[in-house]
C-alpha atoms as a PDB file:
ATOM      1  CA  MET A   1     122.826 107.634  68.042  1.00  0.00           C
ATOM      2  CA  ARG A   2     119.206 108.689  67.767  1.00  0.00           C
ATOM      3  CA  ASN A   3     118.013 105.760  69.838  1.00  0.00           C
ATOM      4  CA  ARG A   4     120.414 106.569  72.669  1.00  0.00           C
ATOM      5  CA  LYS A   5     119.544 110.244  72.614  1.00  0.00           C
ATOM      6  CA  PHE A   6     115.821 109.476  72.563  1.00  0.00           C
ATOM      7  CA  TRP A   7     116.233 107.004  75.426  1.00  0.00           C
ATOM      8  CA  LEU A   8     118.108 109.589  77.503  1.00  0.00           C
ATOM      9  CA  ILE A   9     115.357 112.138  76.910  1.00  0.00           C
ATOM     10  CA  ALA A  10     112.694 109.556  77.784  1.00  0.00           C
ATOM     11  CA  LYS A  11     114.482 108.639  81.023  1.00  0.00           C
ATOM     12  CA  ALA A  12     114.840 112.293  81.982  1.00  0.00           C
ATOM     13  CA  VAL A  13     111.106 112.855  81.439  1.00  0.00           C
ATOM     14  CA  LEU A  14     110.267 109.746  83.462  1.00  0.00           C
ATOM     15  CA  ILE A  15     112.501 110.913  86.309  1.00  0.00           C
ATOM     16  CA  ILE A  16     110.794 114.314  86.332  1.00  0.00           C
ATOM     17  CA  LEU A  17     107.320 112.759  86.249  1.00  0.00           C
ATOM     18  CA  PHE A  18     108.174 110.270  88.971  1.00  0.00           C
ATOM     19  CA  THR A  19     109.561 113.048  91.160  1.00  0.00           C
ATOM     20  CA  LEU A  20     106.376 115.056  90.662  1.00  0.00           C
ATOM     21  CA  VAL A  21     104.243 112.043  91.581  1.00  0.00           C
ATOM     22  CA  ILE A  22     106.252 111.540  94.764  1.00  0.00           C
ATOM     23  CA  PHE A  23     105.782 115.151  95.860  1.00  0.00           C
ATOM     24  CA  LEU A  24     102.218 115.692  94.640  1.00  0.00           C
ATOM     25  CA  MET A  25     100.800 112.393  95.914  1.00  0.00           C
ATOM     26  CA  PRO A  26     102.546 111.559  99.185  1.00  0.00           C
ATOM     27  CA  VAL A  27     101.783 108.273 100.897  1.00  0.00           C
ATOM     28  CA  GLU A  28     101.528 107.426 104.577  1.00  0.00           C
ATOM     29  CA  ASN A  29     102.928 103.918 104.324  1.00  0.00           C
ATOM     30  CA  THR A  30     106.652 103.879 105.145  1.00  0.00           C
ATOM     31  CA  PHE A  31     107.333 100.877 102.914  1.00  0.00           C
ATOM     32  CA  ARG A  32     105.839 102.656  99.890  1.00  0.00           C
ATOM     33  CA  LYS A  33     107.858 105.795 100.624  1.00  0.00           C
ATOM     34  CA  TRP A  34     111.095 103.809 100.649  1.00  0.00           C
ATOM     35  CA  LEU A  35     110.045 101.843  97.574  1.00  0.00           C
ATOM     36  CA  ARG A  36     109.358 105.044  95.622  1.00  0.00           C
ATOM     37  CA  PHE A  37     112.624 106.558  96.800  1.00  0.00           C
ATOM     38  CA  THR A  38     114.562 103.429  95.794  1.00  0.00           C
ATOM     39  CA  MET A  39     112.948 103.384  92.361  1.00  0.00           C
ATOM     40  CA  LEU A  40     113.821 107.042  91.851  1.00  0.00           C
ATOM     41  CA  VAL A  41     117.433 106.423  92.877  1.00  0.00           C
ATOM     42  CA  VAL A  42     117.688 103.485  90.463  1.00  0.00           C
ATOM     43  CA  PHE A  43     116.317 105.630  87.611  1.00  0.00           C
ATOM     44  CA  VAL A  44     118.740 108.453  88.374  1.00  0.00           C
ATOM     45  CA  ILE A  45     121.772 106.153  88.611  1.00  0.00           C
ATOM     46  CA  SER A  46     120.776 104.460  85.368  1.00  0.00           C
ATOM     47  CA  PHE A  47     120.366 107.850  83.704  1.00  0.00           C
ATOM     48  CA  ILE A  48     123.793 109.027  84.883  1.00  0.00           C
ATOM     49  CA  ILE A  49     125.485 105.844  83.656  1.00  0.00           C
ATOM     50  CA  ASP A  50     123.768 106.056  80.252  1.00  0.00           C
ATOM     51  CA  LEU A  51     124.591 109.760  79.931  1.00  0.00           C
ATOM     52  CA  ASN A  52     128.228 109.086  80.753  1.00  0.00           C
ATOM     53  CA  ASN A  53     128.399 106.288  78.150  1.00  0.00           C
ATOM     54  CA  TYR A  54     126.694 108.509  75.573  1.00  0.00           C
ATOM     55  CA  GLN A  55     129.195 111.312  76.129  1.00  0.00           C
ATOM     56  CA  LYS A  56     132.141 108.909  75.864  1.00  0.00           C
ATOM     57  CA  THR A  57     131.000 107.504  72.522  1.00  0.00           C
ATOM     58  CA  LYS A  58     130.095 110.924  71.176  1.00  0.00           C
ATOM     59  CA  SER A  59     133.514 112.493  71.789  1.00  0.00           C
END
């Protein structure tokens, strides 16, 4: 359980940091904007799936 909980915390921190990077260092290139947005969406979806699986096994 500790590994899953640690991984969820690590993903949450990475999502927060990545969001801050997107807002604090904007880019002009449209491709890079969409690439950053896609990466953020993938991280968030992965986090939600892992959180859902963690809650199912915990209860």
